[in-house]
Amino acid sequence: MPTPQHCPGFEQFRDLKSIIFKCPNCGTEVEIFSDEYDKTHLCPNCKQKIEFSKAEIIKK
């Protein structure tokens, strides 16, 4: 039996993109994945809720 080339479940995550936003409250850079955009996130620095619709995209 050949060794698998990828971890089990790899296919469902292969198209994920990493997006880096600037927290609109304190300016800290926050990284999320494209499947987490609609979830609630707190800034690791200021602990405020990040509204990604108002946040500046640093890198896609």
N, C-alpha and C. Protein backbone atom coordinates (compact mmCIF):
# COMPACT_ATOMS: atom_id res chain seq x y z
N MET A 1 0.86 -1.19 0.00
CA MET A 1 0.00 0.00 0.00
C MET A 1 0.89 1.23 0.00
N PRO A 2 0.69 2.15 -0.95
CA PRO A 2 1.54 3.35 -1.01
C PRO A 2 1.24 4.32 0.13
N THR A 3 2.24 5.11 0.49
CA THR A 3 2.08 6.13 1.52
C THR A 3 1.27 7.29 0.96
N PRO A 4 0.24 7.78 1.69
CA PRO A 4 -0.56 8.92 1.19
C PRO A 4 0.30 10.17 1.04
N GLN A 5 0.00 10.98 0.05
CA GLN A 5 0.74 12.20 -0.20
C GLN A 5 0.24 13.36 0.63
N HIS A 6 -0.97 13.28 1.15
CA HIS A 6 -1.58 14.35 1.92
C HIS A 6 -2.26 13.77 3.15
N CYS A 7 -2.49 14.61 4.12
CA CYS A 7 -3.23 14.21 5.32
C CYS A 7 -4.68 13.92 4.96
N PRO A 8 -5.33 13.03 5.70
CA PRO A 8 -6.76 12.80 5.46
C PRO A 8 -7.53 14.11 5.65
N GLY A 9 -8.47 14.37 4.78
CA GLY A 9 -9.26 15.60 4.87
C GLY A 9 -8.63 16.79 4.17
N PHE A 10 -7.47 16.62 3.56
CA PHE A 10 -6.76 17.70 2.89
C PHE A 10 -7.61 18.39 1.83
N GLU A 11 -8.35 17.64 1.07
CA GLU A 11 -9.11 18.18 -0.06
C GLU A 11 -10.07 19.29 0.35
N GLN A 12 -10.71 19.18 1.51
CA GLN A 12 -11.69 20.20 1.90
C GLN A 12 -11.03 21.52 2.28
N PHE A 13 -9.71 21.52 2.52
CA PHE A 13 -9.02 22.74 2.93
C PHE A 13 -8.03 23.27 1.89
N ARG A 14 -7.91 22.63 0.77
CA ARG A 14 -6.86 22.99 -0.19
C ARG A 14 -7.05 24.37 -0.83
N ASP A 15 -8.26 24.90 -0.85
CA ASP A 15 -8.51 26.20 -1.48
C ASP A 15 -8.60 27.35 -0.47
N LEU A 16 -8.27 27.10 0.80
CA LEU A 16 -8.31 28.17 1.79
C LEU A 16 -7.25 29.22 1.50
N LYS A 17 -7.59 30.45 1.77
CA LYS A 17 -6.66 31.57 1.59
C LYS A 17 -6.45 32.24 2.94
N SER A 18 -5.25 32.69 3.19
CA SER A 18 -4.93 33.44 4.39
C SER A 18 -5.09 34.92 4.08
N ILE A 19 -5.77 35.65 4.95
CA ILE A 19 -5.99 37.08 4.77
C ILE A 19 -5.52 37.80 6.03
N ILE A 20 -4.72 38.84 5.86
CA ILE A 20 -4.24 39.61 7.00
C ILE A 20 -4.94 40.96 7.00
N PHE A 21 -5.59 41.27 8.13
CA PHE A 21 -6.32 42.52 8.31
C PHE A 21 -5.63 43.35 9.38
N LYS A 22 -5.88 44.65 9.33
CA LYS A 22 -5.45 45.53 10.40
C LYS A 22 -6.67 45.79 11.27
N CYS A 23 -6.52 45.54 12.58
CA CYS A 23 -7.62 45.76 13.52
C CYS A 23 -8.02 47.24 13.45
N PRO A 24 -9.31 47.54 13.22
CA PRO A 24 -9.73 48.93 13.14
C PRO A 24 -9.69 49.65 14.48
N ASN A 25 -9.56 48.91 15.57
CA ASN A 25 -9.53 49.51 16.90
C ASN A 25 -8.12 49.92 17.33
N CYS A 26 -7.11 49.04 17.08
CA CYS A 26 -5.76 49.32 17.59
C CYS A 26 -4.67 49.22 16.53
N GLY A 27 -4.99 48.71 15.34
CA GLY A 27 -4.00 48.63 14.27
C GLY A 27 -3.18 47.35 14.23
N THR A 28 -3.43 46.42 15.14
CA THR A 28 -2.70 45.16 15.15
C THR A 28 -3.07 44.33 13.93
N GLU A 29 -2.07 43.67 13.31
CA GLU A 29 -2.34 42.80 12.18
C GLU A 29 -2.90 41.48 12.68
N VAL A 30 -4.00 41.03 12.07
CA VAL A 30 -4.69 39.81 12.47
C VAL A 30 -4.86 38.94 11.24
N GLU A 31 -4.46 37.67 11.33
CA GLU A 31 -4.58 36.74 10.22
C GLU A 31 -5.79 35.84 10.42
N ILE A 32 -6.60 35.68 9.37
CA ILE A 32 -7.70 34.72 9.39
C ILE A 32 -7.66 33.95 8.08
N PHE A 33 -8.38 32.86 8.03
CA PHE A 33 -8.51 32.09 6.81
C PHE A 33 -9.85 32.40 6.16
N SER A 34 -9.91 32.21 4.86
CA SER A 34 -11.09 32.61 4.08
C SER A 34 -12.38 31.95 4.56
N ASP A 35 -12.31 30.78 5.17
CA ASP A 35 -13.54 30.14 5.67
C ASP A 35 -13.97 30.68 7.03
N GLU A 36 -13.19 31.59 7.63
CA GLU A 36 -13.51 32.16 8.94
C GLU A 36 -14.00 33.59 8.86
N TYR A 37 -14.14 34.12 7.66
CA TYR A 37 -14.49 35.53 7.48
C TYR A 37 -15.80 35.90 8.15
N ASP A 38 -16.77 35.01 8.11
CA ASP A 38 -18.08 35.34 8.67
C ASP A 38 -18.23 34.98 10.15
N LYS A 39 -17.14 34.55 10.80
CA LYS A 39 -17.17 34.22 12.22
C LYS A 39 -16.72 35.41 13.06
N THR A 40 -17.08 35.41 14.31
CA THR A 40 -16.69 36.48 15.22
C THR A 40 -15.24 36.28 15.67
N HIS A 41 -14.44 37.34 15.59
CA HIS A 41 -13.04 37.29 16.01
C HIS A 41 -12.75 38.45 16.96
N LEU A 42 -11.91 38.18 17.94
CA LEU A 42 -11.44 39.21 18.85
C LEU A 42 -9.98 39.48 18.54
N CYS A 43 -9.60 40.74 18.59
CA CYS A 43 -8.22 41.13 18.38
C CYS A 43 -7.38 40.56 19.53
N PRO A 44 -6.26 39.91 19.23
CA PRO A 44 -5.43 39.37 20.30
C PRO A 44 -4.77 40.46 21.16
N ASN A 45 -4.71 41.68 20.65
CA ASN A 45 -4.08 42.77 21.38
C ASN A 45 -5.08 43.55 22.24
N CYS A 46 -6.11 44.12 21.63
CA CYS A 46 -7.05 44.98 22.37
C CYS A 46 -8.30 44.25 22.85
N LYS A 47 -8.47 42.99 22.42
CA LYS A 47 -9.59 42.13 22.85
C LYS A 47 -10.96 42.64 22.40
N GLN A 48 -10.97 43.56 21.43
CA GLN A 48 -12.24 44.07 20.88
C GLN A 48 -12.67 43.21 19.69
N LYS A 49 -13.97 43.16 19.45
CA LYS A 49 -14.49 42.44 18.30
C LYS A 49 -14.02 43.14 17.03
N ILE A 50 -13.56 42.35 16.06
CA ILE A 50 -13.11 42.91 14.78
C ILE A 50 -14.24 42.79 13.77
N GLU A 51 -14.65 43.91 13.22
CA GLU A 51 -15.63 43.89 12.14
C GLU A 51 -14.84 43.97 10.84
N PHE A 52 -14.70 42.82 10.17
CA PHE A 52 -13.86 42.75 8.98
C PHE A 52 -14.36 43.61 7.84
N SER A 53 -15.65 43.96 7.85
CA SER A 53 -16.17 44.86 6.81
C SER A 53 -15.59 46.26 6.95
N LYS A 54 -15.12 46.60 8.16
CA LYS A 54 -14.53 47.91 8.40
C LYS A 54 -13.01 47.87 8.50
N ALA A 55 -12.43 46.67 8.48
CA ALA A 55 -10.98 46.51 8.66
C ALA A 55 -10.26 46.65 7.33
N GLU A 56 -9.04 47.16 7.40
CA GLU A 56 -8.20 47.31 6.22
C GLU A 56 -7.49 45.99 5.92
N ILE A 57 -7.55 45.55 4.66
CA ILE A 57 -6.86 44.33 4.25
C ILE A 57 -5.39 44.69 4.01
N ILE A 58 -4.49 43.97 4.67
CA ILE A 58 -3.05 44.18 4.51
C ILE A 58 -2.52 43.28 3.40
N LYS A 59 -2.93 42.00 3.42
CA LYS A 59 -2.41 41.02 2.46
C LYS A 59 -3.43 39.92 2.24
N LYS A 60 -3.65 39.59 0.97
CA LYS A 60 -4.51 38.45 0.62
C LYS A 60 -3.64 37.29 0.23
